[in-house]
Amino acid sequence: MKVQNITDIEKFFKAVDECKGKVELVTGEGDRLNLKSKLSQYVSMANIFSNSEIPELELIAHEKEDIDRLVSFMHNE
């Protein structure tokens, strides 16, 4: 799934942390980073954005309820 225009990074990571299964960020090189890992969160976000907004990310959530949770986050963002 593609997510766009994330302006509240803390809320985004809270939604990711609440997911039951694995949530991965797909990098431009095709690598997958586990966003449930705090280290991966810090490293990936430091590399992706330099201002306070993330224009677009590709995420893979492995559980249906996690996909629903992330979609709900994006609609309420």
PDB file of N, CA and C in Angstrom:
ATOM      1  N   MET A   1       0.837  -1.172   0.000  1.00  0.00           N
ATOM      2  CA  MET A   1       0.000   0.000   0.000  1.00  0.00           C
ATOM      3  C   MET A   1       0.883   1.236   0.000  1.00  0.00           C
ATOM      4  N   LYS A   2       0.415   2.263  -0.655  1.00  0.00           N
ATOM      5  CA  LYS A   2       1.122   3.537  -0.647  1.00  0.00           C
ATOM      6  C   LYS A   2       0.422   4.458   0.344  1.00  0.00           C
ATOM      7  N   VAL A   3       1.212   5.106   1.172  1.00  0.00           N
ATOM      8  CA  VAL A   3       0.671   6.110   2.085  1.00  0.00           C
ATOM      9  C   VAL A   3       1.313   7.442   1.728  1.00  0.00           C
ATOM     10  N   GLN A   4       0.538   8.511   1.851  1.00  0.00           N
ATOM     11  CA  GLN A   4       1.014   9.813   1.405  1.00  0.00           C
ATOM     12  C   GLN A   4       0.785  10.885   2.456  1.00  0.00           C
ATOM     13  N   ASN A   5       1.630  11.886   2.383  1.00  0.00           N
ATOM     14  CA  ASN A   5       1.485  13.118   3.165  1.00  0.00           C
ATOM     15  C   ASN A   5       1.318  12.884   4.664  1.00  0.00           C
ATOM     16  N   ILE A   6       2.215  12.114   5.231  1.00  0.00           N
ATOM     17  CA  ILE A   6       2.207  11.894   6.675  1.00  0.00           C
ATOM     18  C   ILE A   6       2.803  13.137   7.332  1.00  0.00           C
ATOM     19  N   THR A   7       2.004  13.814   8.122  1.00  0.00           N
ATOM     20  CA  THR A   7       2.482  15.032   8.768  1.00  0.00           C
ATOM     21  C   THR A   7       2.752  14.829  10.255  1.00  0.00           C
ATOM     22  N   ASP A   8       2.095  13.838  10.862  1.00  0.00           N
ATOM     23  CA  ASP A   8       2.300  13.558  12.281  1.00  0.00           C
ATOM     24  C   ASP A   8       3.054  12.232  12.411  1.00  0.00           C
ATOM     25  N   ILE A   9       4.376  12.329  12.443  1.00  0.00           N
ATOM     26  CA  ILE A   9       5.226  11.143  12.461  1.00  0.00           C
ATOM     27  C   ILE A   9       4.984  10.308  13.717  1.00  0.00           C
ATOM     28  N   GLU A  10       4.810  10.964  14.847  1.00  0.00           N
ATOM     29  CA  GLU A  10       4.582  10.232  16.099  1.00  0.00           C
ATOM     30  C   GLU A  10       3.300   9.411  16.030  1.00  0.00           C
ATOM     31  N   LYS A  11       2.221  10.005  15.509  1.00  0.00           N
ATOM     32  CA  LYS A  11       0.960   9.282  15.362  1.00  0.00           C
ATOM     33  C   LYS A  11       1.104   8.122  14.390  1.00  0.00           C
ATOM     34  N   PHE A  12       1.879   8.329  13.326  1.00  0.00           N
ATOM     35  CA  PHE A  12       2.102   7.271  12.349  1.00  0.00           C
ATOM     36  C   PHE A  12       2.793   6.081  13.014  1.00  0.00           C
ATOM     37  N   PHE A  13       3.861   6.336  13.771  1.00  0.00           N
ATOM     38  CA  PHE A  13       4.570   5.242  14.428  1.00  0.00           C
ATOM     39  C   PHE A  13       3.734   4.603  15.533  1.00  0.00           C
ATOM     40  N   LYS A  14       2.862   5.376  16.157  1.00  0.00           N
ATOM     41  CA  LYS A  14       1.956   4.788  17.158  1.00  0.00           C
ATOM     42  C   LYS A  14       1.026   3.800  16.463  1.00  0.00           C
ATOM     43  N   ALA A  15       0.501   4.170  15.297  1.00  0.00           N
ATOM     44  CA  ALA A  15      -0.362   3.265  14.535  1.00  0.00           C
ATOM     45  C   ALA A  15       0.407   2.013  14.124  1.00  0.00           C
ATOM     46  N   VAL A  16       1.660   2.175  13.690  1.00  0.00           N
ATOM     47  CA  VAL A  16       2.490   1.022  13.319  1.00  0.00           C
ATOM     48  C   VAL A  16       2.730   0.141  14.534  1.00  0.00           C
ATOM     49  N   ASP A  17       3.057   0.745  15.676  1.00  0.00           N
ATOM     50  CA  ASP A  17       3.330  -0.027  16.898  1.00  0.00           C
ATOM     51  C   ASP A  17       2.103  -0.820  17.353  1.00  0.00           C
ATOM     52  N   GLU A  18       0.911  -0.323  17.072  1.00  0.00           N
ATOM     53  CA  GLU A  18      -0.316  -1.012  17.464  1.00  0.00           C
ATOM     54  C   GLU A  18      -0.657  -2.177  16.549  1.00  0.00           C
ATOM     55  N   CYS A  19       0.012  -2.288  15.416  1.00  0.00           N
ATOM     56  CA  CYS A  19      -0.242  -3.391  14.494  1.00  0.00           C
ATOM     57  C   CYS A  19       0.205  -4.714  15.124  1.00  0.00           C
ATOM     58  N   LYS A  20      -0.538  -5.775  14.834  1.00  0.00           N
ATOM     59  CA  LYS A  20      -0.251  -7.094  15.400  1.00  0.00           C
ATOM     60  C   LYS A  20       0.867  -7.814  14.641  1.00  0.00           C
ATOM     61  N   GLY A  21       0.888  -7.669  13.324  1.00  0.00           N
ATOM     62  CA  GLY A  21       1.867  -8.374  12.501  1.00  0.00           C
ATOM     63  C   GLY A  21       2.987  -7.464  12.038  1.00  0.00           C
ATOM     64  N   LYS A  22       3.735  -7.972  11.095  1.00  0.00           N
ATOM     65  CA  LYS A  22       4.874  -7.250  10.551  1.00  0.00           C
ATOM     66  C   LYS A  22       4.407  -6.125   9.629  1.00  0.00           C
ATOM     67  N   VAL A  23       5.030  -4.958   9.756  1.00  0.00           N
ATOM     68  CA  VAL A  23       4.791  -3.821   8.867  1.00  0.00           C
ATOM     69  C   VAL A  23       6.154  -3.434   8.312  1.00  0.00           C
ATOM     70  N   GLU A  24       6.257  -3.445   6.993  1.00  0.00           N
ATOM     71  CA  GLU A  24       7.549  -3.177   6.361  1.00  0.00           C
ATOM     72  C   GLU A  24       7.479  -1.956   5.461  1.00  0.00           C
ATOM     73  N   LEU A  25       8.569  -1.215   5.448  1.00  0.00           N
ATOM     74  CA  LEU A  25       8.752  -0.095   4.534  1.00  0.00           C
ATOM     75  C   LEU A  25       9.581  -0.594   3.370  1.00  0.00           C
ATOM     76  N   VAL A  26       9.109  -0.362   2.146  1.00  0.00           N
ATOM     77  CA  VAL A  26       9.861  -0.755   0.954  1.00  0.00           C
ATOM     78  C   VAL A  26      10.673   0.449   0.501  1.00  0.00           C
ATOM     79  N   THR A  27      11.995   0.282   0.466  1.00  0.00           N
ATOM     80  CA  THR A  27      12.873   1.379   0.055  1.00  0.00           C
ATOM     81  C   THR A  27      12.883   1.498  -1.465  1.00  0.00           C
ATOM     82  N   GLY A  28      13.455   2.573  -1.962  1.00  0.00           N
ATOM     83  CA  GLY A  28      13.584   2.773  -3.400  1.00  0.00           C
ATOM     84  C   GLY A  28      14.393   1.691  -4.082  1.00  0.00           C
ATOM     85  N   GLU A  29      15.267   1.026  -3.329  1.00  0.00           N
ATOM     86  CA  GLU A  29      16.096  -0.062  -3.865  1.00  0.00           C
ATOM     87  C   GLU A  29      15.396  -1.411  -3.769  1.00  0.00           C
ATOM     88  N   GLY A  30      14.182  -1.426  -3.172  1.00  0.00           N
ATOM     89  CA  GLY A  30      13.433  -2.671  -3.044  1.00  0.00           C
ATOM     90  C   GLY A  30      13.674  -3.424  -1.747  1.00  0.00           C
ATOM     91  N   ASP A  31      14.516  -2.866  -0.872  1.00  0.00           N
ATOM     92  CA  ASP A  31      14.739  -3.496   0.435  1.00  0.00           C
ATOM     93  C   ASP A  31      13.502  -3.283   1.304  1.00  0.00           C
ATOM     94  N   ARG A  32      13.307  -4.204   2.239  1.00  0.00           N
ATOM     95  CA  ARG A  32      12.190  -4.084   3.173  1.00  0.00           C
ATOM     96  C   ARG A  32      12.731  -3.892   4.582  1.00  0.00           C
ATOM     97  N   LEU A  33      12.282  -2.810   5.228  1.00  0.00           N
ATOM     98  CA  LEU A  33      12.690  -2.513   6.599  1.00  0.00           C
ATOM     99  C   LEU A  33      11.513  -2.753   7.532  1.00  0.00           C
ATOM    100  N   ASN A  34      11.760  -3.466   8.618  1.00  0.00           N
ATOM    101  CA  ASN A  34      10.732  -3.761   9.608  1.00  0.00           C
ATOM    102  C   ASN A  34      10.440  -2.513  10.436  1.00  0.00           C
ATOM    103  N   LEU A  35       9.268  -1.914  10.224  1.00  0.00           N
ATOM    104  CA  LEU A  35       8.933  -0.677  10.938  1.00  0.00           C
ATOM    105  C   LEU A  35       8.492  -0.914  12.373  1.00  0.00           C
ATOM    106  N   LYS A  36       8.376  -2.160  12.794  1.00  0.00           N
ATOM    107  CA  LYS A  36       8.074  -2.441  14.189  1.00  0.00           C
ATOM    108  C   LYS A  36       9.342  -2.284  15.039  1.00  0.00           C
ATOM    109  N   SER A  37      10.490  -2.261  14.410  1.00  0.00           N
ATOM    110  CA  SER A  37      11.767  -2.068  15.093  1.00  0.00           C
ATOM    111  C   SER A  37      12.022  -0.576  15.267  1.00  0.00           C
ATOM    112  N   LYS A  38      12.295  -0.145  16.492  1.00  0.00           N
ATOM    113  CA  LYS A  38      12.567   1.275  16.744  1.00  0.00           C
ATOM    114  C   LYS A  38      13.802   1.746  15.974  1.00  0.00           C
ATOM    115  N   LEU A  39      14.819   0.915  15.913  1.00  0.00           N
ATOM    116  CA  LEU A  39      16.025   1.290  15.167  1.00  0.00           C
ATOM    117  C   LEU A  39      15.694   1.506  13.697  1.00  0.00           C
ATOM    118  N   SER A  40      14.922   0.613  13.120  1.00  0.00           N
ATOM    119  CA  SER A  40      14.527   0.777  11.716  1.00  0.00           C
ATOM    120  C   SER A  40      13.688   2.032  11.520  1.00  0.00           C
ATOM    121  N   GLN A  41      12.833   2.343  12.501  1.00  0.00           N
ATOM    122  CA  GLN A  41      12.024   3.556  12.397  1.00  0.00           C
ATOM    123  C   GLN A  41      12.918   4.787  12.311  1.00  0.00           C
ATOM    124  N   TYR A  42      13.883   4.880  13.205  1.00  0.00           N
ATOM    125  CA  TYR A  42      14.764   6.052  13.220  1.00  0.00           C
ATOM    126  C   TYR A  42      15.611   6.145  11.959  1.00  0.00           C
ATOM    127  N   VAL A  43      16.192   5.029  11.568  1.00  0.00           N
ATOM    128  CA  VAL A  43      17.068   5.025  10.393  1.00  0.00           C
ATOM    129  C   VAL A  43      16.277   5.337   9.126  1.00  0.00           C
ATOM    130  N   SER A  44      15.134   4.693   8.962  1.00  0.00           N
ATOM    131  CA  SER A  44      14.362   4.891   7.736  1.00  0.00           C
ATOM    132  C   SER A  44      13.832   6.311   7.630  1.00  0.00           C
ATOM    133  N   MET A  45      13.343   6.856   8.706  1.00  0.00           N
ATOM    134  CA  MET A  45      12.790   8.198   8.645  1.00  0.00           C
ATOM    135  C   MET A  45      13.877   9.255   8.458  1.00  0.00           C
ATOM    136  N   ALA A  46      15.028   9.044   9.031  1.00  0.00           N
ATOM    137  CA  ALA A  46      16.135   9.992   8.843  1.00  0.00           C
ATOM    138  C   ALA A  46      16.541  10.048   7.378  1.00  0.00           C
ATOM    139  N   ASN A  47      16.455   8.923   6.690  1.00  0.00           N
ATOM    140  CA  ASN A  47      16.842   8.866   5.282  1.00  0.00           C
ATOM    141  C   ASN A  47      15.745   9.330   4.333  1.00  0.00           C
ATOM    142  N   ILE A  48      14.495   9.232   4.749  1.00  0.00           N
ATOM    143  CA  ILE A  48      13.389   9.517   3.842  1.00  0.00           C
ATOM    144  C   ILE A  48      13.014  10.990   3.780  1.00  0.00           C
ATOM    145  N   PHE A  49      13.047  11.658   4.917  1.00  0.00           N
ATOM    146  CA  PHE A  49      12.590  13.044   4.879  1.00  0.00           C
ATOM    147  C   PHE A  49      13.550  13.968   5.607  1.00  0.00           C
ATOM    148  N   SER A  50      13.595  15.179   5.107  1.00  0.00           N
ATOM    149  CA  SER A  50      14.451  16.166   5.754  1.00  0.00           C
ATOM    150  C   SER A  50      13.618  17.287   6.370  1.00  0.00           C
ATOM    151  N   ASN A  51      12.336  17.364   6.003  1.00  0.00           N
ATOM    152  CA  ASN A  51      11.450  18.317   6.676  1.00  0.00           C
ATOM    153  C   ASN A  51      10.456  17.527   7.527  1.00  0.00           C
ATOM    154  N   SER A  52       9.380  18.125   7.938  1.00  0.00           N
ATOM    155  CA  SER A  52       8.471  17.449   8.861  1.00  0.00           C
ATOM    156  C   SER A  52       7.342  16.691   8.174  1.00  0.00           C
ATOM    157  N   GLU A  53       7.437  16.475   6.875  1.00  0.00           N
ATOM    158  CA  GLU A  53       6.377  15.769   6.161  1.00  0.00           C
ATOM    159  C   GLU A  53       6.975  14.674   5.291  1.00  0.00           C
ATOM    160  N   ILE A  54       6.321  13.530   5.248  1.00  0.00           N
ATOM    161  CA  ILE A  54       6.738  12.432   4.383  1.00  0.00           C
ATOM    162  C   ILE A  54       5.768  12.404   3.211  1.00  0.00           C
ATOM    163  N   PRO A  55       6.242  12.678   1.993  1.00  0.00           N
ATOM    164  CA  PRO A  55       5.327  12.782   0.858  1.00  0.00           C
ATOM    165  C   PRO A  55       4.681  11.444   0.479  1.00  0.00           C
ATOM    166  N   GLU A  56       5.458  10.347   0.407  1.00  0.00           N
ATOM    167  CA  GLU A  56       4.885   9.055   0.021  1.00  0.00           C
ATOM    168  C   GLU A  56       5.787   7.916   0.463  1.00  0.00           C
ATOM    169  N   LEU A  57       5.156   6.862   0.983  1.00  0.00           N
ATOM    170  CA  LEU A  57       5.866   5.649   1.392  1.00  0.00           C
ATOM    171  C   LEU A  57       5.139   4.448   0.834  1.00  0.00           C
ATOM    172  N   GLU A  58       5.884   3.394   0.570  1.00  0.00           N
ATOM    173  CA  GLU A  58       5.256   2.124   0.236  1.00  0.00           C
ATOM    174  C   GLU A  58       5.417   1.212   1.439  1.00  0.00           C
ATOM    175  N   LEU A  59       4.292   0.739   1.956  1.00  0.00           N
ATOM    176  CA  LEU A  59       4.282  -0.136   3.123  1.00  0.00           C
ATOM    177  C   LEU A  59       3.686  -1.479   2.753  1.00  0.00           C
ATOM    178  N   ILE A  60       4.147  -2.508   3.445  1.00  0.00           N
ATOM    179  CA  ILE A  60       3.533  -3.826   3.341  1.00  0.00           C
ATOM    180  C   ILE A  60       3.130  -4.236   4.750  1.00  0.00           C
ATOM    181  N   ALA A  61       1.844  -4.444   4.955  1.00  0.00           N
ATOM    182  CA  ALA A  61       1.335  -4.955   6.224  1.00  0.00           C
ATOM    183  C   ALA A  61       0.843  -6.374   5.946  1.00  0.00           C
ATOM    184  N   HIS A  62       1.206  -7.300   6.807  1.00  0.00           N
ATOM    185  CA  HIS A  62       0.930  -8.707   6.551  1.00  0.00           C
ATOM    186  C   HIS A  62      -0.397  -9.192   7.113  1.00  0.00           C
ATOM    187  N   GLU A  63      -1.039  -8.408   7.957  1.00  0.00           N
ATOM    188  CA  GLU A  63      -2.318  -8.802   8.568  1.00  0.00           C
ATOM    189  C   GLU A  63      -3.422  -7.856   8.103  1.00  0.00           C
ATOM    190  N   LYS A  64      -4.595  -8.423   7.792  1.00  0.00           N
ATOM    191  CA  LYS A  64      -5.724  -7.615   7.316  1.00  0.00           C
ATOM    192  C   LYS A  64      -6.086  -6.521   8.319  1.00  0.00           C
ATOM    193  N   GLU A  65      -6.112  -6.853   9.599  1.00  0.00           N
ATOM    194  CA  GLU A  65      -6.481  -5.848  10.607  1.00  0.00           C
ATOM    195  C   GLU A  65      -5.458  -4.717  10.659  1.00  0.00           C
ATOM    196  N   ASP A  66      -4.198  -5.016  10.350  1.00  0.00           N
ATOM    197  CA  ASP A  66      -3.170  -3.978  10.332  1.00  0.00           C
ATOM    198  C   ASP A  66      -3.346  -3.062   9.137  1.00  0.00           C
ATOM    199  N   ILE A  67      -3.715  -3.633   8.006  1.00  0.00           N
ATOM    200  CA  ILE A  67      -3.994  -2.824   6.813  1.00  0.00           C
ATOM    201  C   ILE A  67      -5.146  -1.870   7.125  1.00  0.00           C
ATOM    202  N   ASP A  68      -6.200  -2.409   7.748  1.00  0.00           N
ATOM    203  CA  ASP A  68      -7.354  -1.578   8.112  1.00  0.00           C
ATOM    204  C   ASP A  68      -6.940  -0.466   9.069  1.00  0.00           C
ATOM    205  N   ARG A  69      -6.070  -0.784  10.041  1.00  0.00           N
ATOM    206  CA  ARG A  69      -5.611   0.203  11.018  1.00  0.00           C
ATOM    207  C   ARG A  69      -4.837   1.328  10.317  1.00  0.00           C
ATOM    208  N   LEU A  70      -3.964   0.970   9.386  1.00  0.00           N
ATOM    209  CA  LEU A  70      -3.157   1.982   8.683  1.00  0.00           C
ATOM    210  C   LEU A  70      -4.010   2.823   7.736  1.00  0.00           C
ATOM    211  N   VAL A  71      -4.976   2.184   7.083  1.00  0.00           N
ATOM    212  CA  VAL A  71      -5.892   2.937   6.208  1.00  0.00           C
ATOM    213  C   VAL A  71      -6.709   3.919   7.052  1.00  0.00           C
ATOM    214  N   SER A  72      -7.178   3.461   8.199  1.00  0.00           N
ATOM    215  CA  SER A  72      -7.929   4.339   9.112  1.00  0.00           C
ATOM    216  C   SER A  72      -7.059   5.505   9.556  1.00  0.00           C
ATOM    217  N   PHE A  73      -5.805   5.242   9.865  1.00  0.00           N
ATOM    218  CA  PHE A  73      -4.872   6.326  10.243  1.00  0.00           C
ATOM    219  C   PHE A  73      -4.785   7.366   9.130  1.00  0.00           C
ATOM    220  N   MET A  74      -4.652   6.891   7.897  1.00  0.00           N
ATOM    221  CA  MET A  74      -4.489   7.821   6.788  1.00  0.00           C
ATOM    222  C   MET A  74      -5.764   8.663   6.565  1.00  0.00           C
ATOM    223  N   HIS A  75      -6.935   8.065   6.780  1.00  0.00           N
ATOM    224  CA  HIS A  75      -8.179   8.818   6.612  1.00  0.00           C
ATOM    225  C   HIS A  75      -8.385   9.844   7.712  1.00  0.00           C
ATOM    226  N   ASN A  76      -7.841   9.565   8.883  1.00  0.00           N
ATOM    227  CA  ASN A  76      -8.005  10.483  10.013  1.00  0.00           C
ATOM    228  C   ASN A  76      -6.858  11.466  10.149  1.00  0.00           C
ATOM    229  N   GLU A  77      -5.782  11.290   9.404  1.00  0.00           N
ATOM    230  CA  GLU A  77      -4.585  12.130   9.460  1.00  0.00           C
ATOM    231  C   GLU A  77      -4.903  13.536   9.031  1.00  0.00           C
TER     232      GLU A  77
END
